[in-house]
Protein backbone atom coordinates (compact mmCIF):
# COMPACT_ATOMS: atom_id res chain seq x y z
CA MET A 1 67.59 112.31 95.93
CA ALA A 2 70.35 114.18 97.60
CA LEU A 3 72.98 116.01 95.34
CA PRO A 4 76.88 114.94 96.10
CA THR A 5 78.53 117.59 98.05
CA ARG A 6 81.36 119.48 97.32
CA GLN A 7 83.58 117.32 99.28
CA GLN A 8 82.50 114.03 97.79
CA ILE A 9 82.97 115.32 94.29
CA VAL A 10 86.64 116.22 95.16
CA GLU A 11 87.14 113.15 97.06
CA LYS A 12 86.16 110.66 94.41
CA PRO A 13 88.71 111.42 91.54
CA VAL A 14 91.52 111.61 94.58
CA ARG A 15 90.48 108.19 95.44
CA ILE A 16 90.73 107.17 92.06
CA VAL A 17 94.09 108.46 91.82
CA ARG A 18 95.00 106.81 95.32
CA MET A 19 94.04 103.63 93.97
CA ILE A 20 95.65 103.63 90.75
CA VAL A 21 99.07 104.57 92.33
CA ALA A 22 98.98 101.97 95.05
CA ALA A 23 97.75 99.22 92.41
CA MET A 24 100.83 100.05 90.30
CA LEU A 25 103.36 100.09 92.82
CA MET A 26 101.94 96.66 94.00
CA ARG A 27 102.05 95.48 90.58
CA LEU A 28 105.65 96.16 89.59
CA THR A 29 106.54 93.78 92.29
CA VAL A 30 104.22 91.24 90.99
CA ASP A 31 105.41 91.97 87.11
CA THR A 32 108.93 91.82 87.84
CA SER A 33 108.64 88.52 89.77
CA ALA A 34 106.92 87.04 87.31
CA ARG A 35 108.53 88.49 84.21
CA MET A 36 112.49 88.29 85.25
CA PHE A 37 112.42 84.42 84.36
CA TYR A 38 111.46 84.77 80.54
CA PRO A 39 114.65 86.58 78.96
CA PHE A 40 116.81 85.33 81.53
CA LEU A 41 115.42 81.55 82.18
CA PRO A 42 118.96 80.30 80.46
CA GLU A 43 120.86 82.42 83.48
CA ILE A 44 118.67 81.36 86.23
CA SER A 45 118.77 77.70 85.09
CA ARG A 46 122.54 77.46 84.50
CA GLY A 47 122.39 79.12 88.12
CA LEU A 48 120.04 76.06 89.28
CA GLY A 49 122.09 73.55 87.54
CA ILE A 50 119.40 72.31 85.29
CA SER A 51 118.53 72.37 81.57
CA LEU A 52 116.47 75.17 79.83
CA ALA A 53 113.50 72.48 79.43
CA GLN A 54 113.50 71.75 83.12
CA GLY A 55 113.70 75.48 83.49
CA GLY A 56 110.40 75.66 81.14
CA LEU A 57 108.86 72.82 83.26
CA LEU A 58 109.63 75.12 86.47
CA MET A 59 107.74 77.91 84.67
CA SER A 60 104.84 75.46 84.07
CA LEU A 61 104.59 74.40 87.65
CA ARG A 62 104.19 78.17 88.49
CA SER A 63 101.50 78.72 85.99
CA SER A 64 99.81 75.49 87.36
CA MET A 65 99.15 77.04 90.29
CA ILE A 66 96.42 79.36 88.96
CA PHE A 67 94.15 76.37 89.17
CA LEU A 68 93.48 77.61 92.61
CA SER A 69 92.31 80.97 91.42
CA PRO A 70 88.73 80.79 91.31
CA LEU A 71 89.25 79.85 95.31
CA PHE A 72 90.43 83.38 95.67
CA GLY A 73 87.82 84.80 93.30
CA ALA A 74 84.94 83.53 95.25
CA TYR A 75 86.68 84.61 98.50
CA THR A 76 86.97 88.42 96.83
CA ASP A 77 83.35 88.26 95.79
CA ARG A 78 82.46 87.51 99.39
CA ARG A 79 85.05 89.15 101.54
CA GLY A 80 86.99 91.82 99.22
CA ALA A 81 90.40 91.76 98.03
CA ARG A 82 92.53 93.91 100.24
CA ASN A 83 93.49 91.10 102.52
CA LEU A 84 94.08 88.57 100.19
CA LEU A 85 96.26 90.96 97.92
CA ALA A 86 98.59 92.04 100.91
CA VAL A 87 98.96 88.06 101.84
CA ALA A 88 99.61 87.03 98.29
CA LEU A 89 102.33 89.71 98.25
CA LEU A 90 104.09 88.12 101.66
CA VAL A 91 104.15 84.58 100.14
CA GLN A 92 105.84 85.98 96.92
CA ALA A 93 108.33 87.43 99.07
CA GLY A 94 108.75 84.06 100.80
CA GLY A 95 108.98 82.20 97.59
CA LEU A 96 111.81 84.65 96.10
CA VAL A 97 114.06 84.46 98.90
CA TRP A 98 113.86 80.71 99.08
CA LEU A 99 114.27 80.38 95.44
CA SER A 100 117.38 82.25 95.69
CA THR A 101 119.06 79.71 98.15
CA ALA A 102 117.90 76.68 95.75
CA SER A 103 119.90 74.10 93.81
CA GLY A 104 118.65 71.62 91.41
CA PHE A 105 115.36 71.03 89.96
CA ALA A 106 113.57 69.29 93.11
CA THR A 107 114.63 72.34 95.68
CA ALA A 108 113.54 75.03 93.26
CA VAL A 109 110.02 73.31 92.76
CA PRO A 110 108.32 74.69 96.09
CA PRO A 111 109.30 78.30 95.96
CA MET A 112 108.29 78.39 92.10
CA MET A 113 104.87 76.88 93.18
CA MET A 114 104.62 79.88 95.72
CA LEU A 115 105.42 82.19 93.49
CA GLY A 116 102.69 80.86 91.00
CA LEU A 117 100.30 81.04 94.05
CA ALA A 118 100.86 84.52 94.85
CA SER A 119 100.37 85.48 91.24
CA ALA A 120 96.91 83.45 91.33
CA ALA A 121 95.60 85.28 94.36
CA PHE A 122 96.60 88.82 93.30
CA ILE A 123 96.36 89.43 89.56
CA PRO A 124 92.92 88.86 88.98
CA ASN A 125 91.26 90.10 92.17
CA MET A 126 93.39 93.31 92.14
CA GLN A 127 91.59 93.87 88.52
CA ALA A 128 88.41 92.55 90.08
CA ALA A 129 88.79 95.28 92.94
CA ILE A 130 89.61 98.00 90.64
CA SER A 131 86.74 97.04 88.05
CA GLU A 132 84.28 97.13 91.19
CA GLN A 133 85.07 101.23 91.76
CA VAL A 134 84.91 102.22 88.04
CA PRO A 135 82.42 102.32 85.46
CA PHE A 136 82.33 100.16 82.30
CA ASP A 137 82.70 102.97 79.93
CA ARG A 138 85.91 104.12 81.70
CA ARG A 139 87.02 101.00 82.92
CA GLY A 140 89.40 100.12 79.93
CA ARG A 141 91.26 103.59 80.48
CA VAL A 142 91.65 102.88 84.40
CA LEU A 143 92.80 99.30 84.08
CA GLY A 144 94.93 100.41 80.62
CA ILE A 145 96.71 103.06 83.06
CA ILE A 146 97.43 100.54 85.78
CA GLU A 147 98.74 97.99 83.08
CA PHE A 148 101.65 100.44 82.67
CA SER A 149 103.40 98.69 85.50
CA TRP A 150 104.09 95.54 82.79
CA ALA A 151 105.56 97.88 80.58
CA ILE A 152 107.58 99.92 82.84
CA THR A 153 108.77 96.54 84.19
CA GLY A 154 109.94 95.50 80.57
CA LEU A 155 111.19 99.03 80.27
CA ILE A 156 113.10 99.88 83.12
CA ILE A 157 113.33 97.38 85.53
CA LEU A 158 114.46 94.17 83.40
CA PRO A 159 117.39 95.98 82.05
CA ILE A 160 118.73 96.86 85.87
CA VAL A 161 117.61 93.27 86.28
CA GLY A 162 120.04 92.06 83.64
CA VAL A 163 123.19 94.37 84.72
CA VAL A 164 122.52 93.19 88.42
CA MET A 165 122.52 89.46 87.38
CA THR A 166 125.58 90.20 85.61
CA VAL A 167 127.68 91.68 88.03
CA GLN A 168 125.92 90.18 91.25
CA GLY A 169 124.82 86.64 90.20
CA TRP A 170 121.47 85.10 89.47
CA GLN A 171 120.13 85.51 92.80
CA ALA A 172 120.72 88.97 93.71
CA PRO A 173 117.41 90.46 91.49
CA LEU A 174 115.47 88.11 93.13
CA ARG A 175 116.51 88.86 96.74
CA VAL A 176 116.03 92.47 96.14
CA VAL A 177 112.63 91.76 94.41
CA ALA A 178 111.93 89.80 97.85
CA ILE A 179 112.22 93.07 99.83
CA CYS A 180 110.25 95.25 97.36
CA SER A 181 107.49 92.81 97.90
CA LEU A 182 107.61 93.03 101.55
CA ALA A 183 107.63 96.73 101.32
CA ALA A 184 104.72 96.75 98.65
CA ALA A 185 101.99 94.80 100.89
CA PRO A 186 100.59 97.47 102.94
CA LEU A 187 99.75 99.24 100.39
CA ALA A 188 96.64 96.68 99.54
CA PHE A 189 94.89 98.61 102.46
CA LEU A 190 94.93 102.08 100.29
CA LEU A 191 92.72 100.46 97.95
CA PRO A 192 88.93 101.43 98.70
CA SER A 193 86.98 98.51 100.48
CA GLN A 194 84.46 97.01 98.34
CA ARG A 195 81.42 99.07 97.45
CA ARG A 196 78.78 96.92 97.71
CA PRO A 197 78.14 93.09 99.40
CA LEU A 198 78.59 90.90 96.14
CA ALA A 199 78.67 88.19 98.04
CA LEU A 200 74.97 88.29 98.93
CA LEU A 201 74.41 85.86 96.28
CA GLN A 202 75.31 83.27 98.95
CA THR A 203 76.97 81.07 96.56
CA GLY A 204 80.20 79.26 97.08
CA MET A 205 82.96 78.70 94.57
CA ARG A 206 81.72 75.95 93.05
CA ARG A 207 78.44 77.32 92.43
CA SER A 208 79.84 80.48 91.45
CA ALA A 209 82.13 78.89 88.87
CA ALA A 210 78.99 76.87 87.29
CA ILE A 211 77.04 79.93 86.93
CA VAL A 212 79.91 81.77 85.04
CA LEU A 213 80.51 78.89 83.14
CA ARG A 214 76.79 78.63 81.94
CA THR A 215 77.11 81.85 79.98
CA THR A 216 77.88 81.32 76.44
CA SER A 217 79.67 84.90 76.23
CA ALA A 218 81.61 84.31 79.44
CA ARG A 219 82.56 81.02 78.83
CA GLY A 220 84.03 82.08 75.61
CA GLY A 221 85.91 85.10 76.85
CA ILE A 222 87.89 82.58 79.59
CA ILE A 223 88.38 80.26 76.54
CA VAL A 224 89.68 83.13 74.55
CA ASN A 225 91.81 84.57 77.70
CA GLY A 226 93.68 81.02 77.70
CA LEU A 227 94.18 80.48 74.03
CA MET A 228 95.84 83.78 73.55
CA PHE A 229 98.77 82.73 75.67
CA VAL A 230 99.78 80.07 73.68
CA ALA A 231 101.50 82.32 71.50
CA ALA A 232 102.37 84.65 74.32
CA GLU A 233 103.98 82.07 76.56
CA THR A 234 105.56 80.38 73.58
CA PHE A 235 107.15 83.81 72.60
CA PHE A 236 108.15 84.90 76.34
CA VAL A 237 109.62 81.65 77.40
CA THR A 238 112.34 81.43 74.10
CA TYR A 239 112.87 84.73 73.05
CA GLY A 240 115.76 85.03 75.31
CA ALA A 241 117.38 81.88 74.58
CA TRP A 242 116.92 83.04 70.74
CA MET A 243 118.54 85.90 71.28
CA GLU A 244 121.87 84.02 72.89
CA GLN A 245 121.73 81.12 70.56
CA SER A 246 121.41 83.05 67.27
CA PHE A 247 122.90 86.32 68.40
CA GLY A 248 125.40 85.40 71.40
CA MET A 249 124.04 87.85 73.69
CA ARG A 250 125.14 88.10 77.43
CA PRO A 251 122.08 88.68 80.21
CA ASP A 252 122.70 92.28 80.17
CA GLN A 253 122.28 92.31 76.21
CA VAL A 254 119.10 90.13 76.55
CA GLY A 255 117.79 92.91 79.23
CA ARG A 256 118.33 95.69 76.84
CA ILE A 257 116.72 93.86 74.20
CA ALA A 258 113.86 93.52 77.04
CA ALA A 259 113.71 97.32 77.40
CA THR A 260 112.91 97.65 73.98
CA LEU A 261 109.95 95.44 74.23
CA GLY A 262 109.01 97.65 77.46
CA VAL A 263 108.48 100.55 75.01
CA ALA A 264 106.31 98.16 72.69
CA GLU A 265 104.29 97.65 76.22
CA LEU A 266 103.95 101.00 76.95
CA ILE A 267 102.91 102.00 73.40
CA ALA A 268 100.07 99.29 73.44
CA SER A 269 99.15 99.85 77.00
CA THR A 270 98.60 103.75 76.37
CA THR A 271 97.04 102.91 73.01
CA SER A 272 94.33 100.75 74.67
CA SER A 273 93.84 103.41 77.37
CA LEU A 274 92.94 105.87 75.32
CA PHE A 275 91.13 104.37 72.70
CA ILE A 276 89.51 100.96 74.06
CA ASP A 277 86.63 102.51 75.66
CA ARG A 278 85.71 104.14 72.05
CA ILE A 279 86.05 101.38 69.66
CA GLY A 280 85.13 98.50 71.69
CA LYS A 281 86.99 96.08 74.30
CA ARG A 282 85.56 93.01 72.00
CA ARG A 283 86.82 94.34 68.98
CA GLY A 284 90.05 95.63 70.58
CA VAL A 285 90.81 91.98 71.57
CA GLY A 286 90.32 90.77 67.93
CA ILE A 287 92.57 93.41 66.56
CA GLY A 288 95.23 92.29 69.07
CA LEU A 289 94.77 88.66 68.47
CA VAL A 290 95.07 88.74 64.80
CA GLY A 291 98.17 90.80 64.87
CA MET A 292 99.66 88.40 67.42
CA ALA A 293 99.44 85.78 64.67
CA VAL A 294 101.04 87.39 62.03
CA PHE A 295 103.87 89.18 64.00
CA MET A 296 104.72 85.65 65.32
CA ALA A 297 104.65 84.07 61.87
CA LEU A 298 107.33 86.68 60.99
CA LEU A 299 109.76 85.61 63.44
CA PRO A 300 111.46 82.72 61.66
CA LEU A 301 111.68 85.08 58.77
CA ALA A 302 114.04 87.46 60.48
CA GLY A 303 116.63 84.54 60.29
CA SER A 304 119.97 85.72 61.76
CA ILE A 305 119.59 89.38 60.92
CA LEU A 306 119.14 91.32 64.54
CA PRO A 307 117.30 94.52 63.36
CA LEU A 308 114.47 92.37 61.52
CA ALA A 309 114.23 89.94 64.67
CA VAL A 310 113.57 92.93 67.11
CA ALA A 311 111.45 94.49 64.70
CA ALA A 312 109.09 91.50 64.42
CA MET A 313 109.33 91.14 68.44
CA PHE A 314 108.42 94.46 68.88
CA LEU A 315 105.45 94.24 66.75
CA PHE A 316 104.42 90.77 68.28
CA THR A 317 104.53 92.33 71.83
CA ILE A 318 102.87 95.56 70.99
CA ALA A 319 99.83 93.29 69.71
CA PHE A 320 99.79 90.86 72.59
CA GLU A 321 100.10 93.75 74.91
CA PHE A 322 96.72 95.34 73.32
CA SER A 323 94.98 92.57 73.34
CA ILE A 324 95.24 91.33 76.96
CA VAL A 325 95.06 94.98 78.13
CA SER A 326 91.45 95.20 76.15
CA ASN A 327 90.50 91.81 77.61
CA ILE A 328 90.74 92.76 81.00
CA GLY A 329 87.91 95.18 80.94
CA LEU A 330 86.06 92.53 78.20
CA MET A 331 85.82 90.29 81.18
CA SER A 332 85.22 92.51 83.89
CA GLU A 333 81.56 93.07 82.54
CA GLN A 334 80.47 89.46 81.46
CA VAL A 335 78.76 88.75 84.61
CA PRO A 336 79.18 91.81 86.91
CA SER A 337 77.76 90.42 89.91
CA MET A 338 80.56 87.84 89.99
CA ARG A 339 83.56 89.80 88.84
CA GLY A 340 86.10 87.91 91.10
CA THR A 341 85.02 84.38 89.93
CA VAL A 342 85.16 85.26 86.34
CA LEU A 343 88.08 86.87 85.95
CA SER A 344 89.75 84.35 88.36
CA LEU A 345 88.74 81.52 85.97
CA SER A 346 90.03 83.69 83.12
CA ALA A 347 93.10 83.62 84.75
CA MET A 348 93.08 80.45 85.62
CA ALA A 349 92.30 79.11 81.89
CA ALA A 350 95.39 81.47 81.27
CA GLY A 351 97.73 79.76 83.60
CA LEU A 352 96.82 76.15 82.73
CA VAL A 353 97.69 77.12 78.97
CA ARG A 354 100.59 78.57 80.30
CA ALA A 355 101.85 76.13 82.21
CA GLY A 356 101.46 73.52 79.00
CA SER A 357 102.80 76.19 76.36
CA ALA A 358 105.94 76.91 78.56
CA THR A 359 107.08 73.21 78.61
CA ALA A 360 106.08 72.95 74.76
CA GLY A 361 107.50 76.08 73.93
CA ALA A 362 110.80 75.09 75.29
CA ALA A 363 110.83 71.93 73.99
CA LEU A 364 109.77 72.65 70.40
CA PHE A 365 112.54 75.51 70.79
CA GLU A 366 115.13 72.65 71.26
CA TRP A 367 113.76 70.48 68.30
CA ARG A 368 113.45 73.04 65.75
CA GLY A 369 114.04 76.32 66.49
CA ILE A 370 112.24 79.39 66.51
CA THR A 371 110.52 77.89 63.58
CA ALA A 372 108.64 75.17 65.81
CA ALA A 373 107.77 77.29 68.54
CA ALA A 374 106.42 80.18 66.40
CA ALA A 375 104.27 78.00 64.34
CA PHE A 376 102.71 76.51 67.59
CA GLY A 377 101.90 80.31 68.75
CA VAL A 378 100.51 81.29 65.18
CA ALA A 379 97.81 78.35 65.96
CA GLY A 380 96.94 79.53 69.31
CA ALA A 381 96.25 83.15 68.80
CA ALA A 382 94.45 82.45 65.18
CA LEU A 383 92.08 79.79 67.43
CA ALA A 384 91.33 82.60 69.90
CA ALA A 385 90.55 84.67 67.34
CA PHE A 386 88.11 82.41 65.87
CA VAL A 387 86.53 81.96 69.33
CA LEU A 388 86.35 85.63 70.19
CA PHE A 389 84.08 86.76 67.24
CA ARG A 390 82.20 83.42 67.32
CA TRP A 391 80.77 83.23 71.04
CA VAL A 392 81.79 86.67 72.75
CA ASN A 393 79.82 89.81 73.52
CA GLU A 394 80.72 92.99 74.40
CA ARG A 395 78.94 93.04 77.82
CA GLY A 396 78.44 89.37 78.21
CA ASP A 397 74.89 87.87 78.96
CA MET A 398 73.31 87.81 82.32
CA PRO A 399 72.26 84.11 83.17
CA PRO A 400 68.66 84.01 84.70
CA VAL A 401 70.12 81.82 87.88
CA VAL A 402 71.83 85.40 88.52
CA GLU A 403 69.18 87.51 88.27
CA GLU A 404 67.01 85.48 90.40
CA ALA A 405 69.70 85.70 92.93
CA HIS A 406 69.40 89.60 93.23
CA VAL A 407 65.45 89.02 93.64
């Protein structure tokens, strides 16, 4: 077997760094588009002329578009992800511009669904493309580094969004992010092309999904990924309203709270990227889920004491981010020959749960405040931990039908 040349040895880390930088820049626009609605949902709802509960319903409609994610995953398994990622960013730009001109619930529905469609096409397939290029024993680190974009959004971008929204109105940040999305679309073509033709399996979306769902560990991991978002979505959709209602905060002040949570996300992403490959991805997800249940249970105990409330939110955010970053690597190896399908089904489960949890969380908050919302979230995190330790394996189980497809 021929040894790699010096040029090939040098080119490989350069290619990995280029891939990470391009992925992070694209993710910044996608994460900002997704995250700005959570802390500023009261302000955006008022701008649209709708109630907070209707705003939560819009979030649910956006999340429900993840139902189409397996279709995009099957495409990635056959053709690669680059064209799909570029188109997703263009759709996101159009949705943001359209939403910035909306007034009332009905006119906000189509652009919110466009944003959900873009997210469904982009995030799991970008993760599949990255996973295909990085060995499993280093994948947690690379995926964790890319997930820094989520933390950077909270730490730096959301505070800026809060200031811009306070000074220029709720539409201005949407239009700025739309421009950034257009600029980021060409970066998709800096990602490496798919390394091997996984689609030689000759399976369509339904058969690919059936093969994945027949695998016990993969099926359990998909359920876990959905259940963890019961707690996460309930928290993120209500904390801005909680800060406003209990502590009288303006959007720019909520943005500073978001920056504090961004520090927590950066800590969690850094910790996961450094240690998750050593401690095990399954164990890391479990640690995060238990922490989510514990710290969400502490939220109602904070009462009207702001430092205690922020501390509980900070710890919950660390636990969630550590869990979700660790879970990407775990899911990427459940059925390696169908990564796009596995990660898309996992994203679909999360999206469907988020759709229900956004509406339920907002409604529970309006009914009984943070106590009812927190109880709902704790139940979801605890159930996710049970499923993880009962049915999910570190590297999954290869179903016999997949092995036959390679013969």
